[in-house]
């Protein structure tokens, strides 16, 4: 199990150690050591279950392994901790693109662009937003309160709303 908290550690030391662990996990993923990365992520989550950055890293691992539904669950969990994080939003966009849901991908790319501060990544996001929508989907009209709607109906409505906003 990972240990990075100690009575003698300052908050800055703890944050540096957490950052180093996440960088090491990213290197494992980049070099194809998926099992080791998964094990490290699980250990990290036992100690820091509310660190939204690790959810983004975990989702990338799952996407590389072709586990798109699991990646979506992980990203949704991370977005519960920080719904404005550009990395989580970018990875959610990338995932939706992989799943063929271009309208929803564009929606999340747009959200990522809104909160992103890095100029280079902003340019990548702007490029991604020019992905053509090749779908015959029609906008849905939602009548009544969205609070009391079935999940699937609300999902279709939000997806169609993103279509309208991107036209």
Foldseek 3Di string as FASTA:
>chain_A
DDDQDDPPDDPVSSVVVVVVLLVVLLVCLVVPVLVVSVVSLVVVCVVVVLPLVSLLSVLVSCVVVVNLVVSLVSLVSSCVSPVQALSSLQSNLVSCVVVVLLLVSLVSLVSSLVRDDDPVVNVVSVVSNVPDDDDPDAADDDDDDPVPDDPVVNVRNVSSVSVVVSD
